[in-house]
Amino acid sequence: MGLRINDTVPDFKAETSQGEISFHDWIGDSWAILFSHPKDFTPVCTTEFGAVAQLSDEWAKRGTKVIGISVDGVEDHKKWIGDIESYSSSDVGFPIIADTDLAVAKAFDMLPAEYYLPDGATPADSATVRSVFIIGPDKKLKLSMTYPMNVGRNFAEVLRALDGLQTAAKETIATPANWEVGQDVIIPTSVSNDDAKAKYGEFETVFPYLRKAKLPS
């Protein structure tokens, strides 16, 4: 059975580019994003890691830790970080897990349990290790995305999704398609009209089951 939304994510110990971590302890009381890639020194992933580095202030603003993972070792990670920083003109302040035995990739259902890397493995051999996991302070999986090898991940969308998750958790609301911070939210159907008016003031009823409101400022 794969990892599902609201499952507690696996805990593990691992070596990273910043030393050994115990994953749940590393998350602490923060939100966390684990994002994976098939191999160091690959073109699409270099641009992606650069994008994550450039958003360091945005992650911090949202109380969110980010961590990468690859099947390569710590020394390769440290060398590759130089390329990422050169490309993005940003410091890579987040750790990268060295998942050389595939233990984390298998625990997060990114690779079959019986899978192993052949000698002289190429990125194609670990192609499925291109996922994003957003994890709450409760250590539960809140959202996951998996991408193919040839399509770069949109980290502006990851940031938008994180905003939606954090707002929904704080305000007990839902967000409509393409929602961004400051826009109207959706009032849950479990909330009566009277309670909605008491909490939000005026709200728009599109259908009896679709009501929109602005969050109190």
Protein backbone atom coordinates (compact mmCIF):
# COMPACT_ATOMS: atom_id res chain seq x y z
CA MET A 1 0.00 0.00 0.00
CA GLY A 2 1.44 3.37 -1.01
CA LEU A 3 1.75 6.41 1.22
CA ARG A 4 -1.61 8.20 1.34
CA ILE A 5 -2.74 11.68 2.34
CA ASN A 6 -2.95 11.95 6.17
CA ASP A 7 -0.70 8.94 6.70
CA THR A 8 2.14 9.51 9.15
CA VAL A 9 5.27 9.67 7.02
CA PRO A 10 8.08 7.20 7.69
CA ASP A 11 10.73 8.17 10.21
CA PHE A 12 14.33 7.36 9.33
CA LYS A 13 17.95 8.19 10.05
CA ALA A 14 20.08 9.25 7.11
CA GLU A 15 23.32 10.94 6.15
CA THR A 16 22.89 14.29 4.41
CA SER A 17 25.08 17.02 3.00
CA GLN A 18 24.74 18.69 6.43
CA GLY A 19 25.33 15.62 8.60
CA GLU A 20 23.14 12.85 10.00
CA ILE A 21 19.47 13.52 10.70
CA SER A 22 16.55 11.69 12.26
CA PHE A 23 13.69 12.78 10.01
CA HIS A 24 10.86 13.35 12.50
CA ASP A 25 13.23 15.13 14.88
CA TRP A 26 14.50 17.25 11.99
CA ILE A 27 10.93 18.30 11.12
CA GLY A 28 10.24 19.26 14.73
CA ASP A 29 7.26 21.63 14.95
CA SER A 30 7.70 22.90 11.39
CA TRP A 31 6.07 22.14 8.11
CA ALA A 32 8.44 20.27 5.81
CA ILE A 33 8.91 19.59 2.11
CA LEU A 34 10.82 16.53 0.94
CA PHE A 35 11.64 16.66 -2.78
CA SER A 36 13.51 13.98 -4.64
CA HIS A 37 15.47 13.58 -7.84
CA PRO A 38 17.02 10.60 -9.65
CA LYS A 39 20.68 11.58 -9.66
CA ASP A 40 23.11 14.42 -9.01
CA PHE A 41 24.58 16.43 -11.89
CA THR A 42 21.41 16.15 -14.00
CA PRO A 43 20.13 19.17 -15.96
CA VAL A 44 16.46 19.45 -15.00
CA CYS A 45 17.14 18.81 -11.32
CA THR A 46 19.92 21.40 -11.22
CA THR A 47 17.39 24.03 -12.30
CA GLU A 48 14.87 22.73 -9.76
CA PHE A 49 17.26 22.76 -6.82
CA GLY A 50 18.26 26.26 -7.87
CA ALA A 51 14.60 27.32 -7.78
CA VAL A 52 14.21 25.90 -4.27
CA ALA A 53 17.35 27.74 -3.12
CA GLN A 54 16.04 31.02 -4.54
CA LEU A 55 12.86 30.63 -2.47
CA SER A 56 14.67 30.27 0.86
CA ASP A 57 13.08 33.41 2.33
CA GLU A 58 9.62 32.22 1.29
CA TRP A 59 10.04 28.83 2.97
CA ALA A 60 11.29 30.53 6.15
CA LYS A 61 8.37 32.97 6.11
CA ARG A 62 6.01 29.99 6.17
CA GLY A 63 7.85 28.10 8.93
CA THR A 64 8.75 25.37 6.46
CA LYS A 65 11.92 23.30 6.18
CA VAL A 66 12.96 21.86 2.82
CA ILE A 67 15.15 18.83 2.22
CA GLY A 68 16.27 17.13 -0.99
CA ILE A 69 17.05 13.48 -1.60
CA SER A 70 19.01 11.57 -4.22
CA VAL A 71 20.47 8.10 -4.61
CA ASP A 72 23.98 9.56 -4.73
CA GLY A 73 26.36 9.95 -1.79
CA VAL A 74 27.24 12.91 0.40
CA GLU A 75 30.46 13.80 -1.42
CA ASP A 76 28.65 13.96 -4.77
CA HIS A 77 25.97 16.13 -3.15
CA LYS A 78 28.56 18.58 -1.87
CA LYS A 79 30.20 18.84 -5.29
CA TRP A 80 26.86 19.27 -7.05
CA ILE A 81 25.80 22.02 -4.64
CA GLY A 82 28.55 24.17 -6.17
CA ASP A 83 26.90 23.87 -9.59
CA ILE A 84 23.44 24.60 -8.16
CA GLU A 85 24.69 27.74 -6.41
CA SER A 86 26.52 28.89 -9.53
CA TYR A 87 23.42 28.37 -11.68
CA SER A 88 20.93 29.98 -9.29
CA SER A 89 23.16 32.65 -7.68
CA SER A 90 21.70 31.46 -4.36
CA ASP A 91 23.03 29.55 -1.37
CA VAL A 92 21.82 25.98 -0.94
CA GLY A 93 21.00 26.22 2.74
CA PHE A 94 18.98 23.00 2.91
CA PRO A 95 20.30 19.45 3.33
CA ILE A 96 20.29 16.73 0.66
CA ILE A 97 19.78 13.14 1.82
CA ALA A 98 22.20 10.50 0.54
CA ASP A 99 19.81 7.62 -0.14
CA THR A 100 22.43 5.27 -1.56
CA ASP A 101 20.63 2.14 -0.35
CA LEU A 102 17.22 3.39 -1.60
CA ALA A 103 15.75 2.92 1.89
CA VAL A 104 13.99 6.29 1.94
CA ALA A 105 12.82 6.07 -1.69
CA LYS A 106 11.23 2.69 -0.94
CA ALA A 107 9.74 3.81 2.38
CA PHE A 108 8.02 6.72 0.60
CA ASP A 109 6.85 4.39 -2.19
CA MET A 110 8.94 6.09 -4.87
CA LEU A 111 10.45 2.76 -5.96
CA PRO A 112 9.27 -0.85 -5.68
CA ALA A 113 10.37 -2.57 -2.47
CA GLU A 114 12.41 -5.17 -4.36
CA TYR A 115 14.13 -2.62 -6.60
CA TYR A 116 17.92 -2.24 -6.67
CA LEU A 117 20.25 -0.03 -8.68
CA PRO A 118 22.36 -1.84 -11.27
CA ASP A 119 26.07 -1.16 -11.64
CA GLY A 120 26.69 1.97 -13.66
CA ALA A 121 23.17 3.21 -12.97
CA THR A 122 21.92 6.20 -14.94
CA PRO A 123 19.15 8.67 -14.02
CA ALA A 124 16.73 6.53 -16.04
CA ASP A 125 17.24 3.68 -13.56
CA SER A 126 15.80 5.78 -10.72
CA ALA A 127 13.47 7.91 -12.81
CA THR A 128 10.50 7.51 -10.49
CA VAL A 129 12.40 9.25 -7.71
CA ARG A 130 11.00 12.68 -8.74
CA SER A 131 8.39 13.44 -6.13
CA VAL A 132 7.36 16.25 -3.78
CA PHE A 133 5.92 15.56 -0.34
CA ILE A 134 4.46 18.33 1.84
CA ILE A 135 4.37 17.24 5.47
CA GLY A 136 2.65 18.93 8.40
CA PRO A 137 4.04 19.52 11.91
CA ASP A 138 2.00 16.46 12.93
CA LYS A 139 4.30 14.41 10.64
CA LYS A 140 1.36 13.52 8.38
CA LEU A 141 1.46 13.71 4.59
CA LYS A 142 -0.62 16.66 3.39
CA LEU A 143 0.09 16.60 -0.36
CA SER A 144 2.23 14.72 -2.86
CA MET A 145 3.14 15.23 -6.51
CA THR A 146 5.15 13.05 -8.87
CA TYR A 147 6.71 14.28 -12.10
CA PRO A 148 8.25 12.57 -15.12
CA MET A 149 11.91 12.97 -16.03
CA ASN A 150 11.41 15.56 -18.76
CA VAL A 151 9.12 18.10 -17.04
CA GLY A 152 10.60 20.47 -14.47
CA ARG A 153 8.64 20.97 -11.29
CA ASN A 154 6.90 24.30 -10.73
CA PHE A 155 7.94 25.40 -7.24
CA ALA A 156 5.71 28.46 -7.44
CA GLU A 157 2.85 25.93 -7.46
CA VAL A 158 4.41 24.04 -4.54
CA LEU A 159 4.52 27.35 -2.65
CA ARG A 160 0.91 28.12 -3.59
CA ALA A 161 -0.20 24.66 -2.47
CA LEU A 162 1.67 25.12 0.82
CA ASP A 163 -0.16 28.43 1.37
CA GLY A 164 -3.46 26.67 0.74
CA LEU A 165 -2.66 23.84 3.12
CA GLN A 166 -1.52 26.17 5.88
CA THR A 167 -4.53 28.47 5.47
CA ALA A 168 -6.96 25.56 5.41
CA ALA A 169 -5.39 24.08 8.54
CA LYS A 170 -5.48 27.40 10.41
CA GLU A 171 -8.92 28.62 9.34
CA THR A 172 -10.75 25.31 8.74
CA ILE A 173 -11.79 26.32 5.22
CA ALA A 174 -11.18 25.05 1.70
CA THR A 175 -9.66 26.90 -1.24
CA PRO A 176 -11.03 27.06 -4.80
CA ALA A 177 -9.14 26.36 -8.02
CA ASN A 178 -6.16 28.64 -8.64
CA TRP A 179 -6.53 30.23 -5.20
CA GLU A 180 -3.85 32.58 -3.95
CA VAL A 181 -3.39 34.31 -0.60
CA GLY A 182 -5.89 37.15 -0.15
CA GLN A 183 -8.56 35.69 -2.42
CA ASP A 184 -11.95 34.36 -1.32
CA VAL A 185 -12.07 30.96 0.35
CA ILE A 186 -14.78 28.30 0.39
CA ILE A 187 -16.95 27.84 3.48
CA PRO A 188 -17.26 24.12 4.38
CA THR A 189 -20.72 22.63 3.90
CA SER A 190 -20.64 21.57 7.56
CA VAL A 191 -20.89 25.26 8.59
CA SER A 192 -24.44 26.67 8.74
CA ASN A 193 -25.35 29.97 7.12
CA ASP A 194 -25.84 31.56 10.54
CA ASP A 195 -22.43 30.40 11.75
CA ALA A 196 -20.85 31.49 8.47
CA LYS A 197 -22.32 34.96 8.82
CA ALA A 198 -21.14 35.19 12.42
CA LYS A 199 -17.60 34.25 11.42
CA TYR A 200 -17.20 35.88 8.01
CA GLY A 201 -19.88 38.56 7.85
CA GLU A 202 -21.28 38.77 4.35
CA PHE A 203 -20.56 35.85 2.02
CA GLU A 204 -21.50 34.87 -1.52
CA THR A 205 -23.78 31.89 -2.13
CA VAL A 206 -23.04 30.57 -5.63
CA PHE A 207 -24.92 27.32 -4.96
CA PRO A 208 -26.22 26.03 -1.61
CA TYR A 209 -23.09 23.86 -1.47
CA LEU A 210 -20.67 26.53 -2.77
CA ARG A 211 -20.30 29.60 -0.59
CA LYS A 212 -17.38 32.02 -0.80
CA ALA A 213 -16.12 34.47 1.80
CA LYS A 214 -13.15 36.62 2.64
CA LEU A 215 -11.12 35.64 5.66
CA PRO A 216 -11.21 38.17 8.51
CA SER A 217 -8.14 40.39 8.32
